[in-house]
Amino acid sequence: MEFKLNDMCDWERQKAVFLMGEAEKLGYNLKDYGEVAVNQNSGYTYIWNEDQNFSLYLPINCELVKSDIVALWTNSENGNEEEMNLTEETTLKDIEDWAQEHENKTKEN
């Protein structure tokens, strides 16, 4: 995992640290190939892992609570995106199942 913390301002680093902590609590793998960075177009702080079919991000303005985290699935064929807002009860399996549903719909079409 590549951590691009040097490219972040203080607030973005705070969000990255929070996001990594919450991702780790979920059981999200922070050791494999991926990155923690800021999307230069949206300003969102995100975690991406090559082995997951979704990423996690925090928007620019947030309270640093789990419900601020958004899971993002992107259709690799057409670039369409779907989002899932996490709740305090959301598990990694919930996110994986949600993303897999979108993968399956793509394969059916």
N, C-alpha and C. Protein backbone atom coordinates (compact mmCIF):
# COMPACT_ATOMS: atom_id res chain seq x y z
N MET A 1 0.86 -1.17 0.00
CA MET A 1 0.00 0.00 0.00
C MET A 1 0.90 1.23 0.00
N GLU A 2 0.62 2.14 -0.88
CA GLU A 2 1.37 3.38 -0.96
C GLU A 2 0.58 4.48 -0.25
N PHE A 3 1.22 5.15 0.68
CA PHE A 3 0.58 6.21 1.46
C PHE A 3 1.13 7.55 0.98
N LYS A 4 0.33 8.31 0.29
CA LYS A 4 0.77 9.59 -0.28
C LYS A 4 0.48 10.74 0.69
N LEU A 5 0.94 10.57 1.93
CA LEU A 5 0.64 11.55 2.97
C LEU A 5 1.39 12.86 2.76
N ASN A 6 2.56 12.82 2.14
CA ASN A 6 3.34 14.04 1.94
C ASN A 6 2.67 15.01 0.97
N ASP A 7 1.78 14.48 0.14
CA ASP A 7 1.07 15.32 -0.84
C ASP A 7 -0.20 15.93 -0.27
N MET A 8 -0.46 15.68 1.03
CA MET A 8 -1.72 16.12 1.64
C MET A 8 -1.51 17.29 2.58
N CYS A 9 -2.55 18.13 2.68
CA CYS A 9 -2.56 19.17 3.70
C CYS A 9 -2.94 18.52 5.03
N ASP A 10 -2.88 19.28 6.12
CA ASP A 10 -3.16 18.72 7.45
C ASP A 10 -4.52 18.05 7.53
N TRP A 11 -5.56 18.71 7.02
CA TRP A 11 -6.92 18.15 7.10
C TRP A 11 -7.03 16.85 6.31
N GLU A 12 -6.41 16.82 5.14
CA GLU A 12 -6.44 15.60 4.32
C GLU A 12 -5.70 14.46 5.03
N ARG A 13 -4.60 14.77 5.70
CA ARG A 13 -3.87 13.74 6.46
C ARG A 13 -4.71 13.22 7.61
N GLN A 14 -5.41 14.12 8.30
CA GLN A 14 -6.30 13.69 9.39
C GLN A 14 -7.37 12.74 8.86
N LYS A 15 -7.93 13.09 7.71
CA LYS A 15 -8.95 12.22 7.10
C LYS A 15 -8.35 10.88 6.69
N ALA A 16 -7.14 10.90 6.13
CA ALA A 16 -6.48 9.66 5.70
C ALA A 16 -6.23 8.75 6.90
N VAL A 17 -5.75 9.30 7.99
CA VAL A 17 -5.48 8.51 9.19
C VAL A 17 -6.79 7.92 9.73
N PHE A 18 -7.84 8.74 9.78
CA PHE A 18 -9.14 8.26 10.23
C PHE A 18 -9.66 7.15 9.32
N LEU A 19 -9.59 7.37 8.01
CA LEU A 19 -10.08 6.40 7.04
C LEU A 19 -9.31 5.09 7.15
N MET A 20 -7.99 5.16 7.31
CA MET A 20 -7.20 3.94 7.46
C MET A 20 -7.58 3.20 8.73
N GLY A 21 -7.82 3.92 9.81
CA GLY A 21 -8.22 3.29 11.07
C GLY A 21 -9.56 2.59 10.95
N GLU A 22 -10.52 3.25 10.33
CA GLU A 22 -11.84 2.65 10.15
C GLU A 22 -11.77 1.47 9.18
N ALA A 23 -10.97 1.60 8.13
CA ALA A 23 -10.81 0.50 7.18
C ALA A 23 -10.20 -0.71 7.88
N GLU A 24 -9.23 -0.48 8.71
CA GLU A 24 -8.60 -1.57 9.45
C GLU A 24 -9.59 -2.25 10.40
N LYS A 25 -10.43 -1.46 11.05
CA LYS A 25 -11.47 -2.03 11.92
C LYS A 25 -12.42 -2.93 11.13
N LEU A 26 -12.70 -2.55 9.88
CA LEU A 26 -13.57 -3.35 9.02
C LEU A 26 -12.89 -4.65 8.58
N GLY A 27 -11.56 -4.66 8.62
CA GLY A 27 -10.81 -5.80 8.11
C GLY A 27 -10.33 -5.59 6.68
N TYR A 28 -10.41 -4.37 6.20
CA TYR A 28 -9.94 -4.00 4.85
C TYR A 28 -8.42 -4.16 4.82
N ASN A 29 -7.91 -4.80 3.79
CA ASN A 29 -6.48 -5.08 3.70
C ASN A 29 -5.70 -3.83 3.30
N LEU A 30 -4.87 -3.36 4.22
CA LEU A 30 -4.04 -2.18 3.95
C LEU A 30 -2.62 -2.55 3.57
N LYS A 31 -2.34 -3.84 3.39
CA LYS A 31 -0.97 -4.29 3.13
C LYS A 31 -0.70 -4.60 1.67
N ASP A 32 -1.73 -4.94 0.91
CA ASP A 32 -1.52 -5.30 -0.49
C ASP A 32 -1.35 -4.06 -1.36
N TYR A 33 -1.21 -4.28 -2.66
CA TYR A 33 -0.99 -3.19 -3.59
C TYR A 33 -2.20 -2.26 -3.64
N GLY A 34 -1.98 -0.99 -3.42
CA GLY A 34 -3.03 0.02 -3.44
C GLY A 34 -2.47 1.35 -2.99
N GLU A 35 -3.36 2.29 -2.68
CA GLU A 35 -2.88 3.59 -2.23
C GLU A 35 -3.90 4.30 -1.37
N VAL A 36 -3.37 5.18 -0.54
CA VAL A 36 -4.16 6.13 0.23
C VAL A 36 -3.71 7.49 -0.28
N ALA A 37 -4.65 8.26 -0.80
CA ALA A 37 -4.29 9.52 -1.45
C ALA A 37 -5.50 10.44 -1.51
N VAL A 38 -5.29 11.59 -2.14
CA VAL A 38 -6.37 12.55 -2.39
C VAL A 38 -6.61 12.60 -3.89
N ASN A 39 -7.87 12.46 -4.29
CA ASN A 39 -8.24 12.60 -5.68
C ASN A 39 -8.13 14.07 -6.04
N GLN A 40 -7.28 14.39 -6.98
CA GLN A 40 -7.03 15.79 -7.33
C GLN A 40 -8.22 16.45 -8.01
N ASN A 41 -9.13 15.66 -8.58
CA ASN A 41 -10.31 16.23 -9.23
C ASN A 41 -11.42 16.53 -8.24
N SER A 42 -11.67 15.59 -7.31
CA SER A 42 -12.79 15.76 -6.37
C SER A 42 -12.36 16.32 -5.02
N GLY A 43 -11.10 16.12 -4.66
CA GLY A 43 -10.63 16.53 -3.34
C GLY A 43 -10.91 15.49 -2.27
N TYR A 44 -11.48 14.35 -2.66
CA TYR A 44 -11.81 13.29 -1.70
C TYR A 44 -10.55 12.52 -1.30
N THR A 45 -10.48 12.15 -0.05
CA THR A 45 -9.41 11.32 0.46
C THR A 45 -9.88 9.87 0.37
N TYR A 46 -9.06 9.01 -0.24
CA TYR A 46 -9.54 7.65 -0.52
C TYR A 46 -8.51 6.58 -0.23
N ILE A 47 -9.03 5.36 -0.13
CA ILE A 47 -8.21 4.15 -0.06
C ILE A 47 -8.65 3.27 -1.22
N TRP A 48 -7.67 2.80 -1.98
CA TRP A 48 -7.93 1.88 -3.08
C TRP A 48 -7.00 0.69 -2.92
N ASN A 49 -7.55 -0.50 -3.09
CA ASN A 49 -6.79 -1.75 -3.01
C ASN A 49 -7.07 -2.54 -4.28
N GLU A 50 -6.01 -2.96 -4.94
CA GLU A 50 -6.14 -3.69 -6.20
C GLU A 50 -7.00 -4.96 -6.08
N ASP A 51 -7.02 -5.57 -4.91
CA ASP A 51 -7.75 -6.82 -4.73
C ASP A 51 -9.22 -6.62 -4.36
N GLN A 52 -9.66 -5.40 -4.19
CA GLN A 52 -11.06 -5.12 -3.89
C GLN A 52 -11.72 -4.48 -5.11
N ASN A 53 -13.00 -4.76 -5.32
CA ASN A 53 -13.70 -4.16 -6.46
C ASN A 53 -14.44 -2.88 -6.05
N PHE A 54 -13.96 -2.25 -5.00
CA PHE A 54 -14.50 -0.97 -4.53
C PHE A 54 -13.38 -0.21 -3.83
N SER A 55 -13.59 1.07 -3.66
CA SER A 55 -12.68 1.88 -2.85
C SER A 55 -13.51 2.55 -1.76
N LEU A 56 -12.82 3.11 -0.79
CA LEU A 56 -13.47 3.86 0.29
C LEU A 56 -12.98 5.29 0.24
N TYR A 57 -13.87 6.23 0.49
CA TYR A 57 -13.42 7.63 0.50
C TYR A 57 -14.17 8.46 1.52
N LEU A 58 -13.57 9.58 1.85
CA LEU A 58 -14.19 10.61 2.67
C LEU A 58 -14.31 11.88 1.84
N PRO A 59 -15.46 12.54 1.87
CA PRO A 59 -15.61 13.80 1.12
C PRO A 59 -14.79 14.91 1.76
N ILE A 60 -14.76 16.04 1.10
CA ILE A 60 -13.97 17.17 1.59
C ILE A 60 -14.42 17.60 2.98
N ASN A 61 -15.71 17.81 3.14
CA ASN A 61 -16.26 18.23 4.44
C ASN A 61 -16.90 17.04 5.13
N CYS A 62 -16.41 16.73 6.31
CA CYS A 62 -16.96 15.61 7.06
C CYS A 62 -16.64 15.78 8.54
N GLU A 63 -17.26 14.94 9.34
CA GLU A 63 -17.13 15.01 10.81
C GLU A 63 -16.16 13.98 11.36
N LEU A 64 -15.58 13.16 10.48
CA LEU A 64 -14.71 12.05 10.88
C LEU A 64 -15.45 11.05 11.76
N VAL A 65 -16.59 10.60 11.25
CA VAL A 65 -17.35 9.50 11.85
C VAL A 65 -17.56 8.46 10.75
N LYS A 66 -17.79 7.22 11.15
CA LYS A 66 -17.89 6.14 10.18
C LYS A 66 -18.95 6.41 9.11
N SER A 67 -20.04 7.07 9.50
CA SER A 67 -21.11 7.34 8.54
C SER A 67 -20.71 8.37 7.47
N ASP A 68 -19.55 9.00 7.61
CA ASP A 68 -19.03 9.89 6.56
C ASP A 68 -18.38 9.10 5.42
N ILE A 69 -18.01 7.85 5.69
CA ILE A 69 -17.28 7.05 4.71
C ILE A 69 -18.23 6.55 3.62
N VAL A 70 -17.75 6.62 2.40
CA VAL A 70 -18.52 6.16 1.25
C VAL A 70 -17.72 5.07 0.54
N ALA A 71 -18.41 3.96 0.22
CA ALA A 71 -17.83 2.93 -0.63
C ALA A 71 -18.19 3.28 -2.07
N LEU A 72 -17.23 3.14 -2.96
CA LEU A 72 -17.43 3.49 -4.37
C LEU A 72 -17.09 2.30 -5.25
N TRP A 73 -18.05 1.89 -6.07
CA TRP A 73 -17.83 0.85 -7.06
C TRP A 73 -17.89 1.50 -8.43
N THR A 74 -16.93 1.15 -9.29
CA THR A 74 -16.88 1.70 -10.64
C THR A 74 -17.00 0.59 -11.66
N ASN A 75 -17.89 0.76 -12.60
CA ASN A 75 -18.06 -0.20 -13.69
C ASN A 75 -16.84 -0.09 -14.60
N SER A 76 -16.09 -1.16 -14.69
CA SER A 76 -14.85 -1.13 -15.48
C SER A 76 -15.10 -1.05 -16.98
N GLU A 77 -16.34 -1.33 -17.41
CA GLU A 77 -16.66 -1.29 -18.83
C GLU A 77 -17.07 0.09 -19.32
N ASN A 78 -17.83 0.83 -18.48
CA ASN A 78 -18.32 2.12 -18.95
C ASN A 78 -18.02 3.29 -18.01
N GLY A 79 -17.41 3.03 -16.87
CA GLY A 79 -17.03 4.10 -15.94
C GLY A 79 -18.14 4.57 -15.02
N ASN A 80 -19.35 4.02 -15.15
CA ASN A 80 -20.43 4.41 -14.24
C ASN A 80 -20.05 4.05 -12.80
N GLU A 81 -20.48 4.88 -11.89
CA GLU A 81 -20.13 4.68 -10.48
C GLU A 81 -21.38 4.54 -9.63
N GLU A 82 -21.28 3.73 -8.60
CA GLU A 82 -22.32 3.56 -7.59
C GLU A 82 -21.69 3.81 -6.23
N GLU A 83 -22.45 4.43 -5.34
CA GLU A 83 -21.95 4.73 -4.00
C GLU A 83 -22.83 4.11 -2.93
N MET A 84 -22.19 3.76 -1.84
CA MET A 84 -22.88 3.23 -0.67
C MET A 84 -22.37 3.97 0.55
N ASN A 85 -23.25 4.64 1.26
CA ASN A 85 -22.86 5.32 2.50
C ASN A 85 -22.78 4.29 3.62
N LEU A 86 -21.69 4.28 4.34
CA LEU A 86 -21.53 3.35 5.45
C LEU A 86 -22.32 3.84 6.66
N THR A 87 -22.68 2.90 7.50
CA THR A 87 -23.30 3.21 8.79
C THR A 87 -22.42 2.60 9.87
N GLU A 88 -22.76 2.85 11.11
CA GLU A 88 -21.99 2.27 12.21
C GLU A 88 -22.06 0.74 12.17
N GLU A 89 -23.12 0.19 11.59
CA GLU A 89 -23.31 -1.26 11.55
C GLU A 89 -22.71 -1.92 10.31
N THR A 90 -22.28 -1.15 9.32
CA THR A 90 -21.78 -1.71 8.07
C THR A 90 -20.52 -2.54 8.33
N THR A 91 -20.50 -3.73 7.72
CA THR A 91 -19.32 -4.60 7.82
C THR A 91 -18.63 -4.67 6.47
N LEU A 92 -17.43 -5.21 6.47
CA LEU A 92 -16.71 -5.39 5.21
C LEU A 92 -17.49 -6.34 4.30
N LYS A 93 -18.08 -7.36 4.86
CA LYS A 93 -18.88 -8.30 4.06
C LYS A 93 -20.06 -7.58 3.41
N ASP A 94 -20.70 -6.67 4.13
CA ASP A 94 -21.80 -5.88 3.54
C ASP A 94 -21.32 -5.13 2.30
N ILE A 95 -20.16 -4.51 2.41
CA ILE A 95 -19.62 -3.73 1.29
C ILE A 95 -19.24 -4.66 0.13
N GLU A 96 -18.57 -5.77 0.46
CA GLU A 96 -18.17 -6.72 -0.58
C GLU A 96 -19.38 -7.29 -1.30
N ASP A 97 -20.43 -7.63 -0.55
CA ASP A 97 -21.65 -8.17 -1.17
C ASP A 97 -22.31 -7.12 -2.07
N TRP A 98 -22.37 -5.88 -1.60
CA TRP A 98 -22.96 -4.78 -2.38
C TRP A 98 -22.18 -4.59 -3.68
N ALA A 99 -20.85 -4.57 -3.60
CA ALA A 99 -20.03 -4.38 -4.80
C ALA A 99 -20.18 -5.57 -5.75
N GLN A 100 -20.25 -6.78 -5.18
CA GLN A 100 -20.40 -7.97 -6.02
C GLN A 100 -21.74 -7.97 -6.76
N GLU A 101 -22.79 -7.47 -6.12
CA GLU A 101 -24.09 -7.35 -6.79
C GLU A 101 -23.96 -6.50 -8.05
N HIS A 102 -23.22 -5.40 -7.94
CA HIS A 102 -23.02 -4.53 -9.09
C HIS A 102 -22.18 -5.23 -10.16
N GLU A 103 -21.17 -5.97 -9.74
CA GLU A 103 -20.35 -6.74 -10.69
C GLU A 103 -21.23 -7.74 -11.45
N ASN A 104 -22.09 -8.43 -10.71
CA ASN A 104 -22.96 -9.44 -11.31
C ASN A 104 -23.94 -8.82 -12.30
N LYS A 105 -24.51 -7.66 -11.96
CA LYS A 105 -25.43 -6.97 -12.87
C LYS A 105 -24.72 -6.59 -14.17
N THR A 106 -23.47 -6.17 -14.05
CA THR A 106 -22.68 -5.78 -15.22
C THR A 106 -22.47 -6.99 -16.14
N LYS A 107 -22.18 -8.14 -15.55
CA LYS A 107 -21.94 -9.35 -16.34
C LYS A 107 -23.21 -9.84 -17.02
N GLU A 108 -24.37 -9.60 -16.40
CA GLU A 108 -25.64 -10.03 -16.97
C GLU A 108 -26.02 -9.22 -18.20
N ASN A 109 -25.59 -7.96 -18.23
CA ASN A 109 -25.99 -7.06 -19.34
C ASN A 109 -25.08 -7.16 -20.50
